[in-house]
Amino acid sequence: MQKIFSDPGVCLVEIGGSACAGCHQLMPSAREAANKAGIPFYYFDAEEAGELIGRWNVASVPSLFLVEGGVPFAEAHGYQPQEILEIWIEYKLQEHRDGK
């Protein structure tokens, strides 16, 4: 898990739960939205992501994080349709590039 976040690049991370229907519904949309944005997508089950949950203060699943170099710079919680995710990712990436 550490190796994934040692890269300086930007990625989209979903933290979900095995018994969470919204998490399973979100995963393909999040993966496709990340693909369209040209960034990697990673999924971690909450039961196996204790370190990330603590470090990123995850209070609920599903949670999405845009991350660069292991540090989140944007987060969203709950299910969102793919179209909304694509807009959110594009906006947050631009905001991050602009230093906001």
PDB file of N, CA and C in Angstrom:
ATOM      1  N   MET A   1       0.828  -1.195   0.000  1.00  0.00           N
ATOM      2  CA  MET A   1       0.000   0.000   0.000  1.00  0.00           C
ATOM      3  C   MET A   1       0.870   1.256   0.000  1.00  0.00           C
ATOM      4  N   GLN A   2       1.928   1.311   0.749  1.00  0.00           N
ATOM      5  CA  GLN A   2       2.796   2.476   0.788  1.00  0.00           C
ATOM      6  C   GLN A   2       3.377   2.798  -0.578  1.00  0.00           C
ATOM      7  N   LYS A   3       3.760   1.780  -1.349  1.00  0.00           N
ATOM      8  CA  LYS A   3       4.374   1.996  -2.655  1.00  0.00           C
ATOM      9  C   LYS A   3       3.443   2.786  -3.580  1.00  0.00           C
ATOM     10  N   ILE A   4       2.154   2.517  -3.515  1.00  0.00           N
ATOM     11  CA  ILE A   4       1.186   3.213  -4.358  1.00  0.00           C
ATOM     12  C   ILE A   4       1.260   4.717  -4.132  1.00  0.00           C
ATOM     13  N   PHE A   5       1.446   5.124  -2.891  1.00  0.00           N
ATOM     14  CA  PHE A   5       1.412   6.544  -2.564  1.00  0.00           C
ATOM     15  C   PHE A   5       2.791   7.159  -2.429  1.00  0.00           C
ATOM     16  N   SER A   6       3.834   6.430  -2.794  1.00  0.00           N
ATOM     17  CA  SER A   6       5.170   7.019  -2.772  1.00  0.00           C
ATOM     18  C   SER A   6       5.447   7.760  -4.073  1.00  0.00           C
ATOM     19  N   ASP A   7       4.643   7.512  -5.109  1.00  0.00           N
ATOM     20  CA  ASP A   7       4.811   8.209  -6.380  1.00  0.00           C
ATOM     21  C   ASP A   7       4.308   9.648  -6.251  1.00  0.00           C
ATOM     22  N   PRO A   8       4.960  10.582  -6.913  1.00  0.00           N
ATOM     23  CA  PRO A   8       4.524  11.973  -6.808  1.00  0.00           C
ATOM     24  C   PRO A   8       3.288  12.297  -7.641  1.00  0.00           C
ATOM     25  N   GLY A   9       2.807  11.352  -8.447  1.00  0.00           N
ATOM     26  CA  GLY A   9       1.675  11.610  -9.329  1.00  0.00           C
ATOM     27  C   GLY A   9       0.344  11.713  -8.612  1.00  0.00           C
ATOM     28  N   VAL A  10      -0.635  12.149  -9.362  1.00  0.00           N
ATOM     29  CA  VAL A  10      -2.004  12.296  -8.863  1.00  0.00           C
ATOM     30  C   VAL A  10      -2.774  11.012  -9.128  1.00  0.00           C
ATOM     31  N   CYS A  11      -3.624  10.612  -8.186  1.00  0.00           N
ATOM     32  CA  CYS A  11      -4.488   9.445  -8.379  1.00  0.00           C
ATOM     33  C   CYS A  11      -5.803   9.666  -7.640  1.00  0.00           C
ATOM     34  N   LEU A  12      -6.780   8.827  -7.964  1.00  0.00           N
ATOM     35  CA  LEU A  12      -8.073   8.828  -7.284  1.00  0.00           C
ATOM     36  C   LEU A  12      -8.152   7.575  -6.441  1.00  0.00           C
ATOM     37  N   VAL A  13      -8.484   7.738  -5.168  1.00  0.00           N
ATOM     38  CA  VAL A  13      -8.571   6.615  -4.236  1.00  0.00           C
ATOM     39  C   VAL A  13      -9.983   6.540  -3.680  1.00  0.00           C
ATOM     40  N   GLU A  14     -10.566   5.348  -3.743  1.00  0.00           N
ATOM     41  CA  GLU A  14     -11.854   5.102  -3.087  1.00  0.00           C
ATOM     42  C   GLU A  14     -11.603   4.191  -1.905  1.00  0.00           C
ATOM     43  N   ILE A  15     -12.165   4.567  -0.765  1.00  0.00           N
ATOM     44  CA  ILE A  15     -12.177   3.692   0.399  1.00  0.00           C
ATOM     45  C   ILE A  15     -13.628   3.291   0.590  1.00  0.00           C
ATOM     46  N   GLY A  16     -13.870   1.987   0.513  1.00  0.00           N
ATOM     47  CA  GLY A  16     -15.229   1.474   0.590  1.00  0.00           C
ATOM     48  C   GLY A  16     -15.323   0.302   1.537  1.00  0.00           C
ATOM     49  N   GLY A  17     -16.487  -0.278   1.574  1.00  0.00           N
ATOM     50  CA  GLY A  17     -16.721  -1.421   2.444  1.00  0.00           C
ATOM     51  C   GLY A  17     -17.331  -2.580   1.681  1.00  0.00           C
ATOM     52  N   SER A  18     -16.983  -3.786   2.098  1.00  0.00           N
ATOM     53  CA  SER A  18     -17.460  -4.970   1.390  1.00  0.00           C
ATOM     54  C   SER A  18     -18.976  -5.130   1.485  1.00  0.00           C
ATOM     55  N   ALA A  19     -19.593  -4.615   2.539  1.00  0.00           N
ATOM     56  CA  ALA A  19     -21.038  -4.735   2.713  1.00  0.00           C
ATOM     57  C   ALA A  19     -21.775  -3.452   2.316  1.00  0.00           C
ATOM     58  N   CYS A  20     -21.091  -2.561   1.630  1.00  0.00           N
ATOM     59  CA  CYS A  20     -21.654  -1.251   1.279  1.00  0.00           C
ATOM     60  C   CYS A  20     -22.089  -1.255  -0.186  1.00  0.00           C
ATOM     61  N   ALA A  21     -23.392  -1.254  -0.415  1.00  0.00           N
ATOM     62  CA  ALA A  21     -23.915  -1.273  -1.785  1.00  0.00           C
ATOM     63  C   ALA A  21     -23.501  -0.032  -2.560  1.00  0.00           C
ATOM     64  N   GLY A  22     -23.525   1.132  -1.918  1.00  0.00           N
ATOM     65  CA  GLY A  22     -23.107   2.371  -2.575  1.00  0.00           C
ATOM     66  C   GLY A  22     -21.656   2.341  -3.000  1.00  0.00           C
ATOM     67  N   CYS A  23     -20.816   1.672  -2.206  1.00  0.00           N
ATOM     68  CA  CYS A  23     -19.392   1.549  -2.533  1.00  0.00           C
ATOM     69  C   CYS A  23     -19.204   0.736  -3.809  1.00  0.00           C
ATOM     70  N   HIS A  24     -19.925  -0.364  -3.894  1.00  0.00           N
ATOM     71  CA  HIS A  24     -19.817  -1.224  -5.081  1.00  0.00           C
ATOM     72  C   HIS A  24     -20.411  -0.543  -6.308  1.00  0.00           C
ATOM     73  N   GLN A  25     -21.436   0.257  -6.110  1.00  0.00           N
ATOM     74  CA  GLN A  25     -22.051   0.989  -7.208  1.00  0.00           C
ATOM     75  C   GLN A  25     -21.126   2.115  -7.685  1.00  0.00           C
ATOM     76  N   LEU A  26     -20.406   2.732  -6.760  1.00  0.00           N
ATOM     77  CA  LEU A  26     -19.524   3.846  -7.090  1.00  0.00           C
ATOM     78  C   LEU A  26     -18.260   3.402  -7.814  1.00  0.00           C
ATOM     79  N   MET A  27     -17.722   2.243  -7.462  1.00  0.00           N
ATOM     80  CA  MET A  27     -16.411   1.824  -7.954  1.00  0.00           C
ATOM     81  C   MET A  27     -16.267   1.881  -9.479  1.00  0.00           C
ATOM     82  N   PRO A  28     -17.161   1.295 -10.282  1.00  0.00           N
ATOM     83  CA  PRO A  28     -16.956   1.363 -11.735  1.00  0.00           C
ATOM     84  C   PRO A  28     -17.045   2.790 -12.273  1.00  0.00           C
ATOM     85  N   SER A  29     -17.922   3.596 -11.700  1.00  0.00           N
ATOM     86  CA  SER A  29     -18.042   4.993 -12.138  1.00  0.00           C
ATOM     87  C   SER A  29     -16.793   5.777 -11.789  1.00  0.00           C
ATOM     88  N   ALA A  30     -16.271   5.568 -10.591  1.00  0.00           N
ATOM     89  CA  ALA A  30     -15.057   6.267 -10.171  1.00  0.00           C
ATOM     90  C   ALA A  30     -13.872   5.835 -11.028  1.00  0.00           C
ATOM     91  N   ARG A  31     -13.772   4.547 -11.297  1.00  0.00           N
ATOM     92  CA  ARG A  31     -12.676   4.036 -12.133  1.00  0.00           C
ATOM     93  C   ARG A  31     -12.738   4.670 -13.523  1.00  0.00           C
ATOM     94  N   GLU A  32     -13.912   4.721 -14.118  1.00  0.00           N
ATOM     95  CA  GLU A  32     -14.066   5.290 -15.457  1.00  0.00           C
ATOM     96  C   GLU A  32     -13.805   6.797 -15.451  1.00  0.00           C
ATOM     97  N   ALA A  33     -14.279   7.488 -14.425  1.00  0.00           N
ATOM     98  CA  ALA A  33     -14.039   8.933 -14.331  1.00  0.00           C
ATOM     99  C   ALA A  33     -12.544   9.220 -14.201  1.00  0.00           C
ATOM    100  N   ALA A  34     -11.834   8.426 -13.402  1.00  0.00           N
ATOM    101  CA  ALA A  34     -10.380   8.590 -13.264  1.00  0.00           C
ATOM    102  C   ALA A  34      -9.697   8.303 -14.596  1.00  0.00           C
ATOM    103  N   ASN A  35     -10.142   7.261 -15.279  1.00  0.00           N
ATOM    104  CA  ASN A  35      -9.577   6.908 -16.579  1.00  0.00           C
ATOM    105  C   ASN A  35      -9.741   8.062 -17.566  1.00  0.00           C
ATOM    106  N   LYS A  36     -10.925   8.659 -17.605  1.00  0.00           N
ATOM    107  CA  LYS A  36     -11.165   9.787 -18.514  1.00  0.00           C
ATOM    108  C   LYS A  36     -10.291  10.983 -18.169  1.00  0.00           C
ATOM    109  N   ALA A  37      -9.973  11.138 -16.870  1.00  0.00           N
ATOM    110  CA  ALA A  37      -9.104  12.241 -16.444  1.00  0.00           C
ATOM    111  C   ALA A  37      -7.626  11.905 -16.627  1.00  0.00           C
ATOM    112  N   GLY A  38      -7.331  10.649 -16.981  1.00  0.00           N
ATOM    113  CA  GLY A  38      -5.956  10.241 -17.208  1.00  0.00           C
ATOM    114  C   GLY A  38      -5.152  10.002 -15.937  1.00  0.00           C
ATOM    115  N   ILE A  39      -5.853   9.633 -14.851  1.00  0.00           N
ATOM    116  CA  ILE A  39      -5.159   9.369 -13.591  1.00  0.00           C
ATOM    117  C   ILE A  39      -5.481   7.956 -13.110  1.00  0.00           C
ATOM    118  N   PRO A  40      -4.578   7.339 -12.352  1.00  0.00           N
ATOM    119  CA  PRO A  40      -4.840   6.001 -11.824  1.00  0.00           C
ATOM    120  C   PRO A  40      -5.954   6.010 -10.776  1.00  0.00           C
ATOM    121  N   PHE A  41      -6.615   4.866 -10.650  1.00  0.00           N
ATOM    122  CA  PHE A  41      -7.669   4.672  -9.652  1.00  0.00           C
ATOM    123  C   PHE A  41      -7.284   3.500  -8.764  1.00  0.00           C
ATOM    124  N   TYR A  42      -7.478   3.672  -7.457  1.00  0.00           N
ATOM    125  CA  TYR A  42      -7.205   2.606  -6.490  1.00  0.00           C
ATOM    126  C   TYR A  42      -8.399   2.461  -5.557  1.00  0.00           C
ATOM    127  N   TYR A  43      -8.715   1.227  -5.227  1.00  0.00           N
ATOM    128  CA  TYR A  43      -9.794   0.930  -4.287  1.00  0.00           C
ATOM    129  C   TYR A  43      -9.206   0.196  -3.090  1.00  0.00           C
ATOM    130  N   PHE A  44      -9.585   0.624  -1.891  1.00  0.00           N
ATOM    131  CA  PHE A  44      -9.184  -0.050  -0.667  1.00  0.00           C
ATOM    132  C   PHE A  44     -10.419  -0.348   0.164  1.00  0.00           C
ATOM    133  N   ASP A  45     -10.514  -1.575   0.638  1.00  0.00           N
ATOM    134  CA  ASP A  45     -11.586  -1.952   1.547  1.00  0.00           C
ATOM    135  C   ASP A  45     -11.275  -1.357   2.915  1.00  0.00           C
ATOM    136  N   ALA A  46     -12.276  -0.786   3.546  1.00  0.00           N
ATOM    137  CA  ALA A  46     -12.089  -0.127   4.840  1.00  0.00           C
ATOM    138  C   ALA A  46     -11.513  -1.067   5.887  1.00  0.00           C
ATOM    139  N   GLU A  47     -11.852  -2.348   5.815  1.00  0.00           N
ATOM    140  CA  GLU A  47     -11.352  -3.305   6.795  1.00  0.00           C
ATOM    141  C   GLU A  47      -9.852  -3.549   6.653  1.00  0.00           C
ATOM    142  N   GLU A  48      -9.302  -3.207   5.499  1.00  0.00           N
ATOM    143  CA  GLU A  48      -7.885  -3.433   5.256  1.00  0.00           C
ATOM    144  C   GLU A  48      -7.098  -2.138   5.116  1.00  0.00           C
ATOM    145  N   ALA A  49      -7.751  -1.013   5.317  1.00  0.00           N
ATOM    146  CA  ALA A  49      -7.104   0.282   5.084  1.00  0.00           C
ATOM    147  C   ALA A  49      -7.051   1.127   6.352  1.00  0.00           C
ATOM    148  N   GLY A  50      -6.832   0.480   7.478  1.00  0.00           N
ATOM    149  CA  GLY A  50      -6.829   1.184   8.760  1.00  0.00           C
ATOM    150  C   GLY A  50      -5.880   2.363   8.814  1.00  0.00           C
ATOM    151  N   GLU A  51      -4.684   2.193   8.239  1.00  0.00           N
ATOM    152  CA  GLU A  51      -3.696   3.281   8.255  1.00  0.00           C
ATOM    153  C   GLU A  51      -4.205   4.494   7.475  1.00  0.00           C
ATOM    154  N   LEU A  52      -4.749   4.254   6.267  1.00  0.00           N
ATOM    155  CA  LEU A  52      -5.281   5.370   5.474  1.00  0.00           C
ATOM    156  C   LEU A  52      -6.481   6.010   6.153  1.00  0.00           C
ATOM    157  N   ILE A  53      -7.347   5.196   6.720  1.00  0.00           N
ATOM    158  CA  ILE A  53      -8.538   5.723   7.390  1.00  0.00           C
ATOM    159  C   ILE A  53      -8.139   6.665   8.525  1.00  0.00           C
ATOM    160  N   GLY A  54      -7.141   6.263   9.291  1.00  0.00           N
ATOM    161  CA  GLY A  54      -6.665   7.114  10.370  1.00  0.00           C
ATOM    162  C   GLY A  54      -5.972   8.366   9.870  1.00  0.00           C
ATOM    163  N   ARG A  55      -5.108   8.199   8.886  1.00  0.00           N
ATOM    164  CA  ARG A  55      -4.327   9.326   8.365  1.00  0.00           C
ATOM    165  C   ARG A  55      -5.221  10.357   7.669  1.00  0.00           C
ATOM    166  N   TRP A  56      -6.242   9.863   6.944  1.00  0.00           N
ATOM    167  CA  TRP A  56      -7.099  10.766   6.173  1.00  0.00           C
ATOM    168  C   TRP A  56      -8.420  11.081   6.863  1.00  0.00           C
ATOM    169  N   ASN A  57      -8.587  10.637   8.105  1.00  0.00           N
ATOM    170  CA  ASN A  57      -9.793  10.917   8.899  1.00  0.00           C
ATOM    171  C   ASN A  57     -11.082  10.513   8.188  1.00  0.00           C
ATOM    172  N   VAL A  58     -11.101   9.300   7.673  1.00  0.00           N
ATOM    173  CA  VAL A  58     -12.279   8.791   6.973  1.00  0.00           C
ATOM    174  C   VAL A  58     -13.352   8.451   7.997  1.00  0.00           C
ATOM    175  N   ALA A  59     -14.513   9.076   7.844  1.00  0.00           N
ATOM    176  CA  ALA A  59     -15.606   8.855   8.792  1.00  0.00           C
ATOM    177  C   ALA A  59     -16.719   7.997   8.214  1.00  0.00           C
ATOM    178  N   SER A  60     -16.771   7.886   6.882  1.00  0.00           N
ATOM    179  CA  SER A  60     -17.842   7.114   6.260  1.00  0.00           C
ATOM    180  C   SER A  60     -17.362   6.564   4.921  1.00  0.00           C
ATOM    181  N   VAL A  61     -18.065   5.553   4.450  1.00  0.00           N
ATOM    182  CA  VAL A  61     -17.772   4.982   3.131  1.00  0.00           C
ATOM    183  C   VAL A  61     -19.036   5.035   2.296  1.00  0.00           C
ATOM    184  N   PRO A  62     -18.901   5.210   1.000  1.00  0.00           N
ATOM    185  CA  PRO A  62     -17.669   5.376   0.261  1.00  0.00           C
ATOM    186  C   PRO A  62     -17.094   6.781   0.421  1.00  0.00           C
ATOM    187  N   SER A  63     -15.783   6.865   0.407  1.00  0.00           N
ATOM    188  CA  SER A  63     -15.064   8.132   0.414  1.00  0.00           C
ATOM    189  C   SER A  63     -14.085   8.118  -0.746  1.00  0.00           C
ATOM    190  N   LEU A  64     -14.039   9.218  -1.469  1.00  0.00           N
ATOM    191  CA  LEU A  64     -13.113   9.390  -2.587  1.00  0.00           C
ATOM    192  C   LEU A  64     -12.110  10.479  -2.238  1.00  0.00           C
ATOM    193  N   PHE A  65     -10.872  10.242  -2.628  1.00  0.00           N
ATOM    194  CA  PHE A  65      -9.813  11.215  -2.392  1.00  0.00           C
ATOM    195  C   PHE A  65      -9.002  11.398  -3.663  1.00  0.00           C
ATOM    196  N   LEU A  66      -8.765  12.643  -4.021  1.00  0.00           N
ATOM    197  CA  LEU A  66      -7.756  12.949  -5.022  1.00  0.00           C
ATOM    198  C   LEU A  66      -6.479  13.168  -4.239  1.00  0.00           C
ATOM    199  N   VAL A  67      -5.427  12.445  -4.641  1.00  0.00           N
ATOM    200  CA  VAL A  67      -4.200  12.381  -3.857  1.00  0.00           C
ATOM    201  C   VAL A  67      -3.011  12.692  -4.751  1.00  0.00           C
ATOM    202  N   GLU A  68      -2.060  13.426  -4.217  1.00  0.00           N
ATOM    203  CA  GLU A  68      -0.784  13.614  -4.906  1.00  0.00           C
ATOM    204  C   GLU A  68       0.328  13.355  -3.910  1.00  0.00           C
ATOM    205  N   GLY A  69       1.213  12.438  -4.251  1.00  0.00           N
ATOM    206  CA  GLY A  69       2.331  12.112  -3.380  1.00  0.00           C
ATOM    207  C   GLY A  69       1.903  11.601  -2.016  1.00  0.00           C
ATOM    208  N   GLY A  70       0.765  10.927  -1.951  1.00  0.00           N
ATOM    209  CA  GLY A  70       0.274  10.379  -0.691  1.00  0.00           C
ATOM    210  C   GLY A  70      -0.516  11.351   0.158  1.00  0.00           C
ATOM    211  N   VAL A  71      -0.709  12.566  -0.329  1.00  0.00           N
ATOM    212  CA  VAL A  71      -1.423  13.594   0.436  1.00  0.00           C
ATOM    213  C   VAL A  71      -2.710  13.963  -0.292  1.00  0.00           C
ATOM    214  N   PRO A  72      -3.863  13.767   0.356  1.00  0.00           N
ATOM    215  CA  PRO A  72      -5.126  14.144  -0.286  1.00  0.00           C
ATOM    216  C   PRO A  72      -5.237  15.666  -0.440  1.00  0.00           C
ATOM    217  N   PHE A  73      -5.761  16.094  -1.577  1.00  0.00           N
ATOM    218  CA  PHE A  73      -6.017  17.516  -1.771  1.00  0.00           C
ATOM    219  C   PHE A  73      -7.494  17.789  -2.062  1.00  0.00           C
ATOM    220  N   ALA A  74      -8.300  16.738  -2.190  1.00  0.00           N
ATOM    221  CA  ALA A  74      -9.746  16.895  -2.358  1.00  0.00           C
ATOM    222  C   ALA A  74     -10.411  15.604  -1.913  1.00  0.00           C
ATOM    223  N   GLU A  75     -11.613  15.722  -1.364  1.00  0.00           N
ATOM    224  CA  GLU A  75     -12.346  14.530  -0.946  1.00  0.00           C
ATOM    225  C   GLU A  75     -13.836  14.715  -1.165  1.00  0.00           C
ATOM    226  N   ALA A  76     -14.501  13.584  -1.371  1.00  0.00           N
ATOM    227  CA  ALA A  76     -15.953  13.552  -1.546  1.00  0.00           C
ATOM    228  C   ALA A  76     -16.462  12.295  -0.862  1.00  0.00           C
ATOM    229  N   HIS A  77     -17.690  12.362  -0.384  1.00  0.00           N
ATOM    230  CA  HIS A  77     -18.245  11.236   0.363  1.00  0.00           C
ATOM    231  C   HIS A  77     -19.620  10.881  -0.187  1.00  0.00           C
ATOM    232  N   GLY A  78     -19.910   9.587  -0.190  1.00  0.00           N
ATOM    233  CA  GLY A  78     -21.189   9.111  -0.675  1.00  0.00           C
ATOM    234  C   GLY A  78     -21.169   8.861  -2.170  1.00  0.00           C
ATOM    235  N   TYR A  79     -22.224   8.226  -2.641  1.00  0.00           N
ATOM    236  CA  TYR A  79     -22.338   7.892  -4.060  1.00  0.00           C
ATOM    237  C   TYR A  79     -22.598   9.142  -4.893  1.00  0.00           C
ATOM    238  N   GLN A  80     -21.938   9.226  -6.037  1.00  0.00           N
ATOM    239  CA  GLN A  80     -22.170  10.280  -7.022  1.00  0.00           C
ATOM    240  C   GLN A  80     -22.211   9.625  -8.402  1.00  0.00           C
ATOM    241  N   PRO A  81     -23.084  10.085  -9.293  1.00  0.00           N
ATOM    242  CA  PRO A  81     -23.093   9.554 -10.654  1.00  0.00           C
ATOM    243  C   PRO A  81     -21.780   9.885 -11.380  1.00  0.00           C
ATOM    244  N   GLN A  82     -21.441   9.093 -12.367  1.00  0.00           N
ATOM    245  CA  GLN A  82     -20.180   9.268 -13.083  1.00  0.00           C
ATOM    246  C   GLN A  82     -20.031  10.668 -13.665  1.00  0.00           C
ATOM    247  N   GLU A  83     -21.081  11.230 -14.224  1.00  0.00           N
ATOM    248  CA  GLU A  83     -21.002  12.564 -14.821  1.00  0.00           C
ATOM    249  C   GLU A  83     -20.589  13.599 -13.785  1.00  0.00           C
ATOM    250  N   ILE A  84     -21.130  13.480 -12.588  1.00  0.00           N
ATOM    251  CA  ILE A  84     -20.788  14.412 -11.510  1.00  0.00           C
ATOM    252  C   ILE A  84     -19.341  14.190 -11.076  1.00  0.00           C
ATOM    253  N   LEU A  85     -18.917  12.934 -10.984  1.00  0.00           N
ATOM    254  CA  LEU A  85     -17.531  12.629 -10.613  1.00  0.00           C
ATOM    255  C   LEU A  85     -16.552  13.226 -11.622  1.00  0.00           C
ATOM    256  N   GLU A  86     -16.877  13.107 -12.892  1.00  0.00           N
ATOM    257  CA  GLU A  86     -15.996  13.651 -13.928  1.00  0.00           C
ATOM    258  C   GLU A  86     -15.846  15.158 -13.774  1.00  0.00           C
ATOM    259  N   ILE A  87     -16.944  15.861 -13.518  1.00  0.00           N
ATOM    260  CA  ILE A  87     -16.900  17.313 -13.317  1.00  0.00           C
ATOM    261  C   ILE A  87     -16.109  17.648 -12.059  1.00  0.00           C
ATOM    262  N   TRP A  88     -16.362  16.899 -10.972  1.00  0.00           N
ATOM    263  CA  TRP A  88     -15.664  17.127  -9.703  1.00  0.00           C
ATOM    264  C   TRP A  88     -14.158  16.932  -9.875  1.00  0.00           C
ATOM    265  N   ILE A  89     -13.760  15.836 -10.511  1.00  0.00           N
ATOM    266  CA  ILE A  89     -12.333  15.558 -10.712  1.00  0.00           C
ATOM    267  C   ILE A  89     -11.691  16.669 -11.543  1.00  0.00           C
ATOM    268  N   GLU A  90     -12.321  17.029 -12.649  1.00  0.00           N
ATOM    269  CA  GLU A  90     -11.767  18.075 -13.512  1.00  0.00           C
ATOM    270  C   GLU A  90     -11.605  19.385 -12.741  1.00  0.00           C
ATOM    271  N   TYR A  91     -12.627  19.763 -11.994  1.00  0.00           N
ATOM    272  CA  TYR A  91     -12.593  21.020 -11.231  1.00  0.00           C
ATOM    273  C   TYR A  91     -11.502  20.977 -10.163  1.00  0.00           C
ATOM    274  N   LYS A  92     -11.441  19.894  -9.407  1.00  0.00           N
ATOM    275  CA  LYS A  92     -10.469  19.791  -8.316  1.00  0.00           C
ATOM    276  C   LYS A  92      -9.035  19.688  -8.839  1.00  0.00           C
ATOM    277  N   LEU A  93      -8.838  19.009  -9.970  1.00  0.00           N
ATOM    278  CA  LEU A  93      -7.502  18.958 -10.559  1.00  0.00           C
ATOM    279  C   LEU A  93      -7.059  20.344 -11.002  1.00  0.00           C
ATOM    280  N   GLN A  94      -7.961  21.089 -11.631  1.00  0.00           N
ATOM    281  CA  GLN A  94      -7.614  22.456 -12.071  1.00  0.00           C
ATOM    282  C   GLN A  94      -7.346  23.344 -10.873  1.00  0.00           C
ATOM    283  N   GLU A  95      -8.174  23.247  -9.873  1.00  0.00           N
ATOM    284  CA  GLU A  95      -7.984  24.033  -8.648  1.00  0.00           C
ATOM    285  C   GLU A  95      -6.621  23.706  -8.022  1.00  0.00           C
ATOM    286  N   HIS A  96      -6.271  22.434  -7.994  1.00  0.00           N
ATOM    287  CA  HIS A  96      -4.987  22.016  -7.434  1.00  0.00           C
ATOM    288  C   HIS A  96      -3.823  22.547  -8.252  1.00  0.00           C
ATOM    289  N   ARG A  97      -3.944  22.486  -9.569  1.00  0.00           N
ATOM    290  CA  ARG A  97      -2.888  23.020 -10.446  1.00  0.00           C
ATOM    291  C   ARG A  97      -2.708  24.530 -10.263  1.00  0.00           C
ATOM    292  N   ASP A  98      -3.823  25.201 -10.006  1.00  0.00           N
ATOM    293  CA  ASP A  98      -3.783  26.659  -9.832  1.00  0.00           C
ATOM    294  C   ASP A  98      -3.308  27.045  -8.437  1.00  0.00           C
ATOM    295  N   GLY A  99      -3.089  26.066  -7.574  1.00  0.00           N
ATOM    296  CA  GLY A  99      -2.581  26.345  -6.232  1.00  0.00           C
ATOM    297  C   GLY A  99      -3.610  26.823  -5.245  1.00  0.00           C
ATOM    298  N   LYS A 100      -4.865  26.507  -5.483  1.00  0.00           N
ATOM    299  CA  LYS A 100      -5.925  26.953  -4.574  1.00  0.00           C
ATOM    300  C   LYS A 100      -6.187  25.928  -3.514  1.00  0.00           C
TER     301      LYS A 100
END
